[in-house]
N, C-alpha and C. Protein backbone atom coordinates (compact mmCIF):
# COMPACT_ATOMS: atom_id res chain seq x y z
N MET A 1 3.79 -12.31 -87.71
CA MET A 1 2.92 -11.16 -87.90
C MET A 1 1.75 -11.55 -88.80
N LYS A 2 0.63 -10.95 -88.61
CA LYS A 2 -0.52 -11.27 -89.43
C LYS A 2 -1.19 -10.00 -89.92
N SER A 3 -1.78 -10.08 -91.11
CA SER A 3 -2.43 -8.92 -91.69
C SER A 3 -3.75 -8.66 -91.00
N LYS A 4 -3.98 -7.38 -90.64
CA LYS A 4 -5.22 -7.00 -89.99
C LYS A 4 -6.19 -6.40 -90.98
N SER A 5 -5.69 -5.59 -91.90
CA SER A 5 -6.57 -5.01 -92.91
C SER A 5 -5.73 -4.60 -94.11
N CYS A 6 -6.38 -4.53 -95.25
CA CYS A 6 -5.69 -4.12 -96.47
C CYS A 6 -6.66 -3.31 -97.30
N ARG A 7 -6.22 -2.09 -97.73
CA ARG A 7 -7.09 -1.23 -98.51
C ARG A 7 -6.35 -0.75 -99.73
N GLN A 8 -6.89 -1.00 -100.90
CA GLN A 8 -6.30 -0.50 -102.13
C GLN A 8 -6.65 0.98 -102.26
N ALA A 9 -5.65 1.79 -102.61
CA ALA A 9 -5.89 3.23 -102.73
C ALA A 9 -5.03 3.77 -103.84
N GLY A 10 -5.64 4.16 -104.95
CA GLY A 10 -4.88 4.74 -106.06
C GLY A 10 -3.89 3.74 -106.62
N CYS A 11 -2.61 4.14 -106.61
CA CYS A 11 -1.60 3.27 -107.20
C CYS A 11 -0.78 2.56 -106.14
N GLY A 12 -1.29 2.45 -104.91
CA GLY A 12 -0.56 1.74 -103.87
C GLY A 12 -1.51 1.05 -102.92
N SER A 13 -0.98 0.43 -101.90
CA SER A 13 -1.83 -0.25 -100.92
C SER A 13 -1.31 0.01 -99.53
N LEU A 14 -2.22 0.29 -98.60
CA LEU A 14 -1.89 0.53 -97.21
C LEU A 14 -2.21 -0.71 -96.43
N ILE A 15 -1.22 -1.29 -95.78
CA ILE A 15 -1.42 -2.56 -95.10
C ILE A 15 -1.19 -2.36 -93.61
N ALA A 16 -2.18 -2.73 -92.80
CA ALA A 16 -2.05 -2.66 -91.35
C ALA A 16 -1.64 -4.03 -90.84
N ILE A 17 -0.69 -4.05 -89.93
CA ILE A 17 -0.16 -5.30 -89.43
C ILE A 17 -0.13 -5.28 -87.91
N VAL A 18 -0.49 -6.40 -87.30
CA VAL A 18 -0.38 -6.55 -85.85
C VAL A 18 0.55 -7.71 -85.60
N ASN A 19 1.63 -7.50 -84.82
CA ASN A 19 2.54 -8.59 -84.56
C ASN A 19 2.12 -9.35 -83.31
N MET A 20 2.89 -10.35 -82.94
CA MET A 20 2.52 -11.23 -81.85
C MET A 20 2.47 -10.50 -80.51
N GLU A 21 3.16 -9.35 -80.39
CA GLU A 21 3.16 -8.59 -79.15
C GLU A 21 1.99 -7.63 -79.09
N GLY A 22 1.22 -7.56 -80.14
CA GLY A 22 0.09 -6.66 -80.15
C GLY A 22 0.43 -5.26 -80.57
N ASP A 23 1.66 -5.04 -81.00
CA ASP A 23 2.06 -3.70 -81.45
C ASP A 23 1.47 -3.44 -82.82
N TYR A 24 1.12 -2.18 -83.06
CA TYR A 24 0.46 -1.81 -84.31
C TYR A 24 1.48 -1.27 -85.29
N ALA A 25 1.39 -1.70 -86.52
CA ALA A 25 2.32 -1.20 -87.53
C ALA A 25 1.62 -1.15 -88.87
N THR A 26 2.01 -0.21 -89.68
CA THR A 26 1.50 -0.14 -91.04
C THR A 26 2.65 0.16 -91.97
N HIS A 27 2.53 -0.27 -93.19
CA HIS A 27 3.50 0.17 -94.19
C HIS A 27 2.80 0.40 -95.50
N TRP A 28 3.34 1.34 -96.23
CA TRP A 28 2.76 1.75 -97.51
C TRP A 28 3.61 1.19 -98.62
N ASN A 29 3.00 0.33 -99.44
CA ASN A 29 3.67 -0.19 -100.61
C ASN A 29 3.39 0.76 -101.76
N SER A 30 4.36 1.58 -102.08
CA SER A 30 4.15 2.65 -103.04
C SER A 30 4.50 2.21 -104.45
N ARG A 31 3.63 2.56 -105.42
CA ARG A 31 3.92 2.34 -106.84
C ARG A 31 3.63 3.64 -107.56
N VAL A 32 4.68 4.30 -107.99
CA VAL A 32 4.52 5.58 -108.64
C VAL A 32 4.08 5.38 -110.07
N ASP A 33 3.58 6.47 -110.69
CA ASP A 33 3.02 6.36 -112.02
C ASP A 33 3.91 7.01 -113.07
N SER A 34 3.52 6.90 -114.32
CA SER A 34 4.13 7.48 -115.52
C SER A 34 5.65 7.42 -115.50
N MET A 35 6.30 8.59 -115.67
CA MET A 35 7.75 8.64 -115.85
C MET A 35 8.50 8.10 -114.65
N SER A 36 8.06 8.44 -113.42
CA SER A 36 8.79 8.01 -112.23
C SER A 36 8.75 6.51 -112.06
N CYS A 37 7.76 5.85 -112.67
CA CYS A 37 7.65 4.39 -112.57
C CYS A 37 8.87 3.72 -113.16
N PHE A 38 9.33 4.23 -114.31
CA PHE A 38 10.48 3.62 -114.97
C PHE A 38 11.77 3.87 -114.19
N THR A 39 11.91 5.09 -113.64
CA THR A 39 13.14 5.42 -112.92
C THR A 39 13.24 4.70 -111.60
N SER A 40 12.10 4.28 -111.03
CA SER A 40 12.13 3.63 -109.73
C SER A 40 12.07 2.11 -109.82
N ARG A 41 12.02 1.56 -111.05
CA ARG A 41 11.87 0.12 -111.19
C ARG A 41 13.04 -0.62 -110.56
N ALA A 42 14.25 -0.14 -110.82
CA ALA A 42 15.43 -0.79 -110.23
C ALA A 42 15.40 -0.70 -108.72
N TRP A 43 14.95 0.47 -108.24
CA TRP A 43 14.87 0.66 -106.78
C TRP A 43 13.86 -0.30 -106.18
N ALA A 44 12.72 -0.49 -106.83
CA ALA A 44 11.68 -1.38 -106.31
C ALA A 44 12.17 -2.82 -106.25
N GLN A 45 13.02 -3.19 -107.22
CA GLN A 45 13.52 -4.56 -107.25
C GLN A 45 14.45 -4.85 -106.09
N GLN A 46 15.02 -3.79 -105.50
CA GLN A 46 15.93 -3.98 -104.38
C GLN A 46 15.17 -4.30 -103.09
N GLN A 47 13.93 -3.88 -103.03
CA GLN A 47 13.16 -4.06 -101.81
C GLN A 47 12.55 -5.45 -101.75
N LYS A 48 12.60 -6.05 -100.57
CA LYS A 48 12.09 -7.39 -100.39
C LYS A 48 10.60 -7.36 -100.08
N ALA A 49 9.92 -8.41 -100.47
CA ALA A 49 8.49 -8.50 -100.18
C ALA A 49 8.27 -8.53 -98.67
N GLY A 50 7.38 -7.65 -98.20
CA GLY A 50 7.09 -7.61 -96.77
C GLY A 50 8.15 -6.94 -95.94
N LYS A 51 9.15 -6.33 -96.57
CA LYS A 51 10.22 -5.64 -95.85
C LYS A 51 10.25 -4.19 -96.31
N PRO A 52 9.38 -3.32 -95.78
CA PRO A 52 9.24 -1.95 -96.28
C PRO A 52 10.48 -1.07 -96.13
N LEU A 53 11.42 -1.46 -95.27
CA LEU A 53 12.62 -0.64 -95.09
C LEU A 53 13.84 -1.22 -95.78
N ALA A 54 13.63 -2.26 -96.58
CA ALA A 54 14.75 -2.86 -97.31
C ALA A 54 15.21 -1.91 -98.41
N GLY A 55 16.49 -1.87 -98.66
CA GLY A 55 17.04 -1.08 -99.76
C GLY A 55 17.48 0.31 -99.38
N TYR A 56 17.04 0.81 -98.23
CA TYR A 56 17.45 2.16 -97.82
C TYR A 56 18.87 2.13 -97.25
N THR A 57 19.68 3.05 -97.71
CA THR A 57 21.07 3.12 -97.25
C THR A 57 21.34 4.33 -96.36
N ALA A 58 20.38 5.25 -96.28
CA ALA A 58 20.55 6.45 -95.45
C ALA A 58 19.24 6.75 -94.74
N ILE A 59 19.35 7.35 -93.55
CA ILE A 59 18.17 7.72 -92.78
C ILE A 59 18.37 9.10 -92.17
N LEU A 60 17.35 9.92 -92.29
CA LEU A 60 17.33 11.25 -91.68
C LEU A 60 16.42 11.19 -90.47
N VAL A 61 16.97 11.50 -89.30
CA VAL A 61 16.21 11.45 -88.06
C VAL A 61 15.76 12.87 -87.70
N GLU A 62 14.48 13.14 -87.90
CA GLU A 62 13.95 14.47 -87.63
C GLU A 62 13.82 14.72 -86.12
N PRO A 63 13.69 15.99 -85.72
CA PRO A 63 13.48 16.29 -84.30
C PRO A 63 12.23 15.57 -83.78
N PHE A 64 12.33 15.00 -82.59
CA PHE A 64 11.20 14.31 -82.00
C PHE A 64 10.20 15.33 -81.46
N THR A 65 8.94 14.96 -81.43
CA THR A 65 7.90 15.85 -80.91
C THR A 65 7.11 15.13 -79.82
N VAL A 66 6.40 15.93 -79.02
CA VAL A 66 5.56 15.39 -77.96
C VAL A 66 4.12 15.79 -78.26
N GLU A 67 3.25 14.81 -78.37
CA GLU A 67 1.85 15.09 -78.65
C GLU A 67 1.23 15.90 -77.51
N ASN A 68 0.46 16.92 -77.88
CA ASN A 68 -0.16 17.78 -76.87
C ASN A 68 -1.46 17.15 -76.39
N SER A 69 -1.38 16.38 -75.31
CA SER A 69 -2.57 15.71 -74.78
C SER A 69 -2.38 15.42 -73.29
N GLN A 70 -3.44 15.00 -72.65
CA GLN A 70 -3.37 14.65 -71.23
C GLN A 70 -2.45 13.46 -71.00
N LEU A 71 -2.28 12.64 -72.02
CA LEU A 71 -1.45 11.44 -71.88
C LEU A 71 0.04 11.76 -71.83
N THR A 72 0.41 12.97 -72.23
CA THR A 72 1.83 13.34 -72.26
C THR A 72 2.16 14.56 -71.40
N LYS A 73 1.21 15.02 -70.59
CA LYS A 73 1.39 16.27 -69.86
C LYS A 73 2.55 16.22 -68.86
N ASP A 74 2.94 15.04 -68.41
CA ASP A 74 4.02 14.91 -67.44
C ASP A 74 5.36 14.58 -68.08
N PHE A 75 5.40 14.52 -69.41
CA PHE A 75 6.67 14.18 -70.05
C PHE A 75 7.68 15.31 -69.79
N PRO A 76 8.87 14.98 -69.27
CA PRO A 76 9.85 16.01 -68.90
C PRO A 76 10.29 16.86 -70.09
N ALA A 77 10.28 18.17 -69.91
CA ALA A 77 10.70 19.09 -70.97
C ALA A 77 12.14 18.83 -71.37
N GLY A 78 12.39 18.81 -72.66
CA GLY A 78 13.74 18.62 -73.18
C GLY A 78 14.13 17.17 -73.40
N GLU A 79 13.37 16.24 -72.84
CA GLU A 79 13.74 14.83 -73.00
C GLU A 79 13.48 14.32 -74.41
N ASP A 80 12.59 15.01 -75.14
CA ASP A 80 12.38 14.62 -76.54
C ASP A 80 13.65 14.86 -77.36
N GLU A 81 14.37 15.95 -77.05
CA GLU A 81 15.62 16.22 -77.74
C GLU A 81 16.67 15.18 -77.37
N ASN A 82 16.73 14.83 -76.09
CA ASN A 82 17.69 13.81 -75.66
C ASN A 82 17.39 12.45 -76.29
N LEU A 83 16.11 12.14 -76.41
CA LEU A 83 15.71 10.87 -77.01
C LEU A 83 16.10 10.84 -78.49
N GLN A 84 15.94 11.97 -79.18
CA GLN A 84 16.30 12.03 -80.59
C GLN A 84 17.80 11.80 -80.77
N LEU A 85 18.60 12.41 -79.92
CA LEU A 85 20.05 12.22 -79.99
C LEU A 85 20.43 10.78 -79.68
N SER A 86 19.72 10.17 -78.73
CA SER A 86 19.98 8.77 -78.40
C SER A 86 19.64 7.87 -79.58
N ALA A 87 18.58 8.21 -80.29
CA ALA A 87 18.18 7.42 -81.46
C ALA A 87 19.23 7.52 -82.57
N VAL A 88 19.75 8.73 -82.80
CA VAL A 88 20.80 8.92 -83.80
C VAL A 88 22.03 8.08 -83.44
N ALA A 89 22.42 8.14 -82.16
CA ALA A 89 23.60 7.39 -81.71
C ALA A 89 23.35 5.89 -81.85
N GLY A 90 22.14 5.44 -81.49
CA GLY A 90 21.84 4.02 -81.58
C GLY A 90 21.82 3.51 -83.00
N LEU A 91 21.29 4.30 -83.92
CA LEU A 91 21.26 3.90 -85.33
C LEU A 91 22.66 3.86 -85.93
N ARG A 92 23.49 4.82 -85.54
CA ARG A 92 24.87 4.82 -86.04
C ARG A 92 25.63 3.60 -85.51
N ALA A 93 25.40 3.27 -84.25
CA ALA A 93 26.09 2.12 -83.66
C ALA A 93 25.62 0.80 -84.28
N SER A 94 24.39 0.77 -84.77
CA SER A 94 23.84 -0.46 -85.34
C SER A 94 24.46 -0.80 -86.69
N LYS A 95 25.02 0.20 -87.39
CA LYS A 95 25.64 0.00 -88.71
C LYS A 95 24.65 -0.48 -89.77
N MET A 96 23.34 -0.28 -89.54
CA MET A 96 22.35 -0.73 -90.53
C MET A 96 22.30 0.18 -91.76
N PHE A 97 22.65 1.46 -91.55
CA PHE A 97 22.62 2.42 -92.65
C PHE A 97 24.02 2.95 -92.90
N GLU A 98 24.31 3.22 -94.16
CA GLU A 98 25.61 3.80 -94.49
C GLU A 98 25.73 5.21 -93.93
N LYS A 99 24.59 5.91 -93.86
CA LYS A 99 24.60 7.28 -93.37
C LYS A 99 23.39 7.53 -92.49
N VAL A 100 23.64 8.08 -91.30
CA VAL A 100 22.57 8.47 -90.37
C VAL A 100 22.70 9.97 -90.16
N VAL A 101 21.68 10.73 -90.58
CA VAL A 101 21.74 12.20 -90.52
C VAL A 101 20.91 12.69 -89.34
N ASP A 102 21.55 13.53 -88.52
CA ASP A 102 20.87 14.17 -87.38
C ASP A 102 20.13 15.39 -87.91
N GLY A 103 18.81 15.35 -87.91
CA GLY A 103 18.02 16.45 -88.44
C GLY A 103 17.66 17.52 -87.44
N SER A 104 18.20 17.45 -86.23
CA SER A 104 17.87 18.45 -85.21
C SER A 104 18.56 19.77 -85.51
N GLN A 105 17.98 20.86 -85.00
CA GLN A 105 18.52 22.19 -85.23
C GLN A 105 19.86 22.38 -84.54
N LYS A 106 20.10 21.61 -83.47
CA LYS A 106 21.35 21.74 -82.72
C LYS A 106 22.49 20.95 -83.35
N SER A 107 22.17 20.20 -84.37
CA SER A 107 23.19 19.38 -85.02
C SER A 107 24.23 20.25 -85.70
N SER A 108 25.49 19.78 -85.68
CA SER A 108 26.57 20.49 -86.36
C SER A 108 26.62 20.15 -87.84
N GLU A 109 25.80 19.18 -88.25
CA GLU A 109 25.77 18.78 -89.65
C GLU A 109 24.99 19.80 -90.46
N PRO A 110 25.28 19.93 -91.76
CA PRO A 110 24.52 20.85 -92.63
C PRO A 110 23.05 20.49 -92.61
N PRO A 111 22.16 21.47 -92.53
CA PRO A 111 20.73 21.17 -92.52
C PRO A 111 20.28 20.51 -93.80
N PRO A 112 19.47 19.44 -93.70
CA PRO A 112 19.02 18.75 -94.91
C PRO A 112 18.08 19.62 -95.71
N SER A 113 18.13 19.46 -97.03
CA SER A 113 17.24 20.23 -97.90
C SER A 113 15.80 19.80 -97.71
N SER A 114 14.89 20.76 -97.69
CA SER A 114 13.48 20.43 -97.50
C SER A 114 12.88 19.86 -98.78
N GLU A 115 13.53 20.10 -99.91
CA GLU A 115 13.05 19.58 -101.18
C GLU A 115 14.15 18.77 -101.84
N LEU A 116 13.89 17.48 -101.97
CA LEU A 116 14.88 16.59 -102.55
C LEU A 116 14.41 16.11 -103.92
N SER A 117 15.33 16.07 -104.87
CA SER A 117 15.00 15.49 -106.16
C SER A 117 14.89 13.98 -105.99
N ALA A 118 14.32 13.32 -106.98
CA ALA A 118 14.17 11.87 -106.90
C ALA A 118 15.53 11.20 -106.75
N LYS A 119 16.54 11.74 -107.45
CA LYS A 119 17.87 11.15 -107.38
C LYS A 119 18.49 11.34 -106.01
N GLU A 120 18.35 12.55 -105.43
CA GLU A 120 18.92 12.84 -104.12
C GLU A 120 18.24 12.03 -103.02
N GLY A 121 16.92 11.81 -103.19
CA GLY A 121 16.18 11.10 -102.17
C GLY A 121 16.21 9.59 -102.32
N GLN A 122 16.73 9.10 -103.43
CA GLN A 122 16.78 7.67 -103.68
C GLN A 122 17.59 6.97 -102.60
N GLY A 123 17.02 5.98 -101.98
CA GLY A 123 17.74 5.22 -100.97
C GLY A 123 17.73 5.86 -99.60
N LYS A 124 17.01 6.97 -99.42
CA LYS A 124 16.97 7.63 -98.12
C LYS A 124 15.57 7.57 -97.54
N VAL A 125 15.50 7.29 -96.24
CA VAL A 125 14.22 7.27 -95.54
C VAL A 125 14.27 8.31 -94.42
N VAL A 126 13.13 8.93 -94.14
CA VAL A 126 13.03 9.96 -93.11
C VAL A 126 12.24 9.40 -91.93
N LEU A 127 12.79 9.55 -90.73
CA LEU A 127 12.15 9.05 -89.52
C LEU A 127 11.59 10.21 -88.69
N SER A 128 10.29 10.14 -88.40
CA SER A 128 9.63 11.11 -87.52
C SER A 128 9.09 10.35 -86.31
N VAL A 129 9.32 10.89 -85.13
CA VAL A 129 8.89 10.20 -83.90
C VAL A 129 8.08 11.16 -83.03
N THR A 130 6.96 10.67 -82.52
CA THR A 130 6.11 11.46 -81.64
C THR A 130 5.86 10.69 -80.35
N ILE A 131 6.09 11.36 -79.21
CA ILE A 131 5.77 10.76 -77.92
C ILE A 131 4.26 10.90 -77.74
N ILE A 132 3.56 9.78 -77.60
CA ILE A 132 2.11 9.82 -77.52
C ILE A 132 1.57 9.40 -76.16
N GLY A 133 2.45 9.02 -75.25
CA GLY A 133 2.01 8.64 -73.92
C GLY A 133 3.16 8.64 -72.93
N PHE A 134 2.87 9.04 -71.69
CA PHE A 134 3.91 9.02 -70.65
C PHE A 134 3.26 8.92 -69.28
N ASP A 135 3.82 8.04 -68.45
CA ASP A 135 3.38 7.89 -67.07
C ASP A 135 4.62 7.86 -66.20
N LYS A 136 4.76 8.86 -65.33
CA LYS A 136 5.97 8.94 -64.51
C LYS A 136 6.02 7.88 -63.43
N GLY A 137 4.89 7.23 -63.14
CA GLY A 137 4.88 6.15 -62.17
C GLY A 137 5.09 6.65 -60.75
N SER A 138 5.46 5.73 -59.86
CA SER A 138 5.65 6.08 -58.44
C SER A 138 6.77 5.23 -57.87
N SER A 139 7.85 5.88 -57.45
CA SER A 139 8.97 5.15 -56.85
C SER A 139 8.56 4.51 -55.54
N GLY A 140 7.66 5.19 -54.79
CA GLY A 140 7.18 4.63 -53.53
C GLY A 140 6.41 3.33 -53.75
N ALA A 141 5.54 3.35 -54.77
CA ALA A 141 4.76 2.15 -55.08
C ALA A 141 5.66 1.03 -55.57
N ARG A 142 6.67 1.37 -56.36
CA ARG A 142 7.60 0.35 -56.85
C ARG A 142 8.36 -0.28 -55.69
N PHE A 143 8.78 0.54 -54.71
CA PHE A 143 9.55 0.05 -53.57
C PHE A 143 8.70 -0.85 -52.68
N MET A 144 7.46 -0.43 -52.41
CA MET A 144 6.59 -1.17 -51.51
C MET A 144 6.12 -2.50 -52.10
N THR A 145 6.03 -2.57 -53.43
CA THR A 145 5.48 -3.77 -54.07
C THR A 145 6.52 -4.54 -54.89
N TRP A 146 7.77 -4.10 -54.88
CA TRP A 146 8.81 -4.75 -55.68
C TRP A 146 8.89 -6.23 -55.33
N PRO A 147 8.99 -7.16 -56.30
CA PRO A 147 9.19 -6.93 -57.74
C PRO A 147 7.91 -6.93 -58.57
N LEU A 148 6.77 -6.68 -57.97
CA LEU A 148 5.53 -6.65 -58.74
C LEU A 148 5.50 -5.42 -59.65
N PRO A 149 4.82 -5.50 -60.80
CA PRO A 149 4.77 -4.38 -61.76
C PRO A 149 3.79 -3.29 -61.33
N VAL A 150 4.10 -2.64 -60.22
CA VAL A 150 3.25 -1.56 -59.71
C VAL A 150 4.06 -0.27 -59.68
N GLY A 151 3.43 0.86 -60.03
CA GLY A 151 4.14 2.14 -60.03
C GLY A 151 5.14 2.28 -61.15
N VAL A 152 4.90 1.54 -62.25
CA VAL A 152 5.84 1.51 -63.37
C VAL A 152 5.88 2.85 -64.11
N SER A 153 7.07 3.33 -64.44
CA SER A 153 7.24 4.49 -65.31
C SER A 153 7.26 3.99 -66.75
N LYS A 154 6.59 4.71 -67.66
CA LYS A 154 6.57 4.23 -69.04
C LYS A 154 6.32 5.37 -70.01
N ALA A 155 6.82 5.18 -71.21
CA ALA A 155 6.63 6.15 -72.30
C ALA A 155 6.31 5.38 -73.57
N LYS A 156 5.41 5.94 -74.37
CA LYS A 156 5.01 5.30 -75.62
C LYS A 156 5.27 6.26 -76.77
N ALA A 157 5.81 5.74 -77.86
CA ALA A 157 6.16 6.57 -79.01
C ALA A 157 5.64 5.97 -80.30
N ARG A 158 5.34 6.87 -81.25
CA ARG A 158 4.94 6.46 -82.60
C ARG A 158 6.10 6.77 -83.55
N PHE A 159 6.54 5.77 -84.29
CA PHE A 159 7.65 5.90 -85.23
C PHE A 159 7.10 5.83 -86.66
N VAL A 160 7.36 6.87 -87.46
CA VAL A 160 6.85 6.92 -88.83
C VAL A 160 8.02 7.11 -89.79
N PHE A 161 8.09 6.26 -90.81
CA PHE A 161 9.13 6.32 -91.82
C PHE A 161 8.52 6.77 -93.15
N ARG A 162 9.15 7.77 -93.79
CA ARG A 162 8.70 8.25 -95.09
C ARG A 162 9.83 8.13 -96.11
N ASP A 163 9.45 7.77 -97.32
CA ASP A 163 10.43 7.75 -98.40
C ASP A 163 10.83 9.18 -98.73
N ALA A 164 12.13 9.48 -98.74
CA ALA A 164 12.60 10.85 -98.93
C ALA A 164 12.28 11.38 -100.32
N ALA A 165 12.30 10.52 -101.32
CA ALA A 165 12.07 10.98 -102.70
C ALA A 165 10.61 11.30 -102.97
N SER A 166 9.71 10.46 -102.49
CA SER A 166 8.28 10.63 -102.78
C SER A 166 7.51 11.27 -101.63
N ASN A 167 8.11 11.28 -100.44
CA ASN A 167 7.47 11.77 -99.22
C ASN A 167 6.28 10.92 -98.81
N GLN A 168 6.16 9.74 -99.38
CA GLN A 168 5.08 8.83 -99.01
C GLN A 168 5.48 8.00 -97.80
N GLU A 169 4.51 7.73 -96.94
CA GLU A 169 4.78 6.90 -95.77
C GLU A 169 5.12 5.48 -96.20
N ALA A 170 6.20 4.95 -95.63
CA ALA A 170 6.63 3.60 -95.97
C ALA A 170 6.30 2.60 -94.87
N PHE A 171 6.32 3.07 -93.61
CA PHE A 171 6.14 2.14 -92.50
C PHE A 171 5.92 2.95 -91.23
N ARG A 172 5.18 2.35 -90.28
CA ARG A 172 5.02 2.96 -88.97
C ARG A 172 4.77 1.88 -87.92
N PHE A 173 5.12 2.20 -86.68
CA PHE A 173 4.82 1.30 -85.58
C PHE A 173 4.82 2.10 -84.29
N GLU A 174 4.28 1.51 -83.23
CA GLU A 174 4.26 2.13 -81.92
C GLU A 174 4.90 1.19 -80.91
N LYS A 175 5.67 1.75 -79.98
CA LYS A 175 6.34 0.95 -78.95
C LYS A 175 6.25 1.67 -77.61
N GLU A 176 6.24 0.88 -76.57
CA GLU A 176 6.22 1.41 -75.21
C GLU A 176 7.41 0.85 -74.44
N ALA A 177 8.12 1.72 -73.72
CA ALA A 177 9.25 1.31 -72.90
C ALA A 177 8.90 1.59 -71.44
N LYS A 178 9.34 0.70 -70.56
CA LYS A 178 8.97 0.82 -69.15
C LYS A 178 10.19 0.79 -68.23
N PHE A 179 10.04 1.44 -67.08
CA PHE A 179 11.02 1.31 -66.01
C PHE A 179 10.26 0.77 -64.80
N GLN A 180 10.61 -0.44 -64.42
CA GLN A 180 9.89 -1.07 -63.32
C GLN A 180 10.70 -1.10 -62.03
N ALA A 181 11.85 -1.71 -62.08
CA ALA A 181 12.63 -1.88 -60.85
C ALA A 181 14.08 -2.15 -61.17
N THR A 182 14.92 -1.92 -60.19
CA THR A 182 16.34 -2.22 -60.29
C THR A 182 16.72 -3.03 -59.07
N ILE A 183 18.00 -3.27 -58.89
CA ILE A 183 18.46 -4.00 -57.71
C ILE A 183 18.21 -3.20 -56.44
N SER A 184 17.91 -1.89 -56.61
CA SER A 184 17.62 -1.04 -55.46
C SER A 184 16.15 -1.13 -55.05
N GLY A 185 15.40 -2.05 -55.69
CA GLY A 185 14.01 -2.22 -55.32
C GLY A 185 13.09 -1.19 -55.94
N GLY A 186 13.48 -0.62 -57.07
CA GLY A 186 12.61 0.32 -57.76
C GLY A 186 12.90 1.78 -57.45
N ILE A 187 13.82 2.03 -56.52
CA ILE A 187 14.17 3.41 -56.20
C ILE A 187 15.20 3.91 -57.20
N ALA A 188 14.91 5.02 -57.85
CA ALA A 188 15.83 5.58 -58.84
C ALA A 188 15.52 7.06 -59.03
N THR A 189 16.51 7.80 -59.49
CA THR A 189 16.30 9.21 -59.78
C THR A 189 15.50 9.34 -61.07
N LYS A 190 14.97 10.54 -61.31
CA LYS A 190 14.24 10.78 -62.55
C LYS A 190 15.15 10.59 -63.75
N GLU A 191 16.42 11.00 -63.58
CA GLU A 191 17.38 10.86 -64.68
C GLU A 191 17.62 9.39 -65.01
N GLU A 192 17.74 8.56 -63.96
CA GLU A 192 17.96 7.13 -64.18
C GLU A 192 16.74 6.48 -64.83
N GLN A 193 15.55 6.89 -64.39
CA GLN A 193 14.33 6.35 -64.99
C GLN A 193 14.25 6.70 -66.48
N MET A 194 14.50 7.97 -66.81
CA MET A 194 14.42 8.40 -68.20
C MET A 194 15.50 7.74 -69.04
N ALA A 195 16.68 7.55 -68.48
CA ALA A 195 17.75 6.89 -69.23
C ALA A 195 17.34 5.47 -69.59
N HIS A 196 16.69 4.79 -68.66
CA HIS A 196 16.23 3.43 -68.91
C HIS A 196 15.13 3.41 -69.97
N ILE A 197 14.19 4.34 -69.88
CA ILE A 197 13.09 4.41 -70.84
C ILE A 197 13.61 4.77 -72.23
N LYS A 198 14.52 5.74 -72.31
CA LYS A 198 15.09 6.12 -73.62
C LYS A 198 15.83 4.95 -74.24
N GLY A 199 16.58 4.24 -73.41
CA GLY A 199 17.29 3.08 -73.92
C GLY A 199 16.35 2.02 -74.46
N GLY A 200 15.21 1.84 -73.77
CA GLY A 200 14.23 0.87 -74.21
C GLY A 200 13.60 1.23 -75.54
N LEU A 201 13.29 2.52 -75.74
CA LEU A 201 12.70 2.96 -77.00
C LEU A 201 13.69 2.86 -78.15
N VAL A 202 14.94 3.21 -77.90
CA VAL A 202 15.95 3.13 -78.96
C VAL A 202 16.20 1.67 -79.33
N ASP A 203 16.27 0.79 -78.34
CA ASP A 203 16.45 -0.64 -78.63
C ASP A 203 15.29 -1.17 -79.47
N ALA A 204 14.06 -0.74 -79.12
CA ALA A 204 12.88 -1.17 -79.87
C ALA A 204 12.94 -0.66 -81.30
N LEU A 205 13.41 0.57 -81.49
CA LEU A 205 13.54 1.15 -82.83
C LEU A 205 14.50 0.33 -83.67
N VAL A 206 15.66 0.04 -83.14
CA VAL A 206 16.68 -0.72 -83.88
C VAL A 206 16.17 -2.11 -84.23
N LYS A 207 15.52 -2.78 -83.29
CA LYS A 207 15.02 -4.13 -83.52
C LYS A 207 13.93 -4.13 -84.61
N GLU A 208 13.05 -3.12 -84.57
CA GLU A 208 11.95 -3.08 -85.54
C GLU A 208 12.48 -2.79 -86.94
N ILE A 209 13.50 -1.94 -87.04
CA ILE A 209 14.09 -1.67 -88.35
C ILE A 209 14.74 -2.95 -88.89
N LYS A 210 15.49 -3.66 -88.05
CA LYS A 210 16.13 -4.89 -88.49
C LYS A 210 15.10 -5.91 -88.97
N ARG A 211 13.95 -5.94 -88.29
CA ARG A 211 12.90 -6.89 -88.64
C ARG A 211 12.27 -6.57 -89.99
N ASN A 212 12.37 -5.32 -90.39
CA ASN A 212 11.69 -4.87 -91.63
C ASN A 212 12.66 -4.47 -92.73
N ARG A 213 13.88 -4.99 -92.66
CA ARG A 213 14.87 -4.75 -93.71
C ARG A 213 15.24 -6.06 -94.39
């Protein structure tokens, strides 16, 4: 990965990073002031240089949203909720965090407090995800041109991580998942296409977190 830009702002620095795949990511290196500086010193020492998600032991996965734009007008209704549940399941299966909290309204877990003290938020990161692009593709085009990448179904999402104690952004990245073809020559139901795309986004999420811990 290489640094694209760096801007000093107040008591922290916002660093934009572009990796070898061309994916965009930023992370906020936060340095709090006065009294909170002393209480967070031990916490800061736990985090590794260049690893903005290091040291977090818990993650709250907020409800996913779909950006209101022409790029997402065909995104299937309700799939944002299914994707959020898939992300929760994938993070739990990864064992990267001691606790993975489902922040959706349908969750059976107690709703997380909207205001966390520094002690309660210590070690917890909040994940917000927005679908920013979707192309349903064409099964006919995939079948006629298989295995060429024509008529591909794809979805793009923005992943943003915030420190629960300070509510400051810690890291963000964007990923795109695609459904191109199967052994059936690209013919698949909408459910099968979405299952493949959701799996791709969740896999990308897990890999990116591992890379930044």
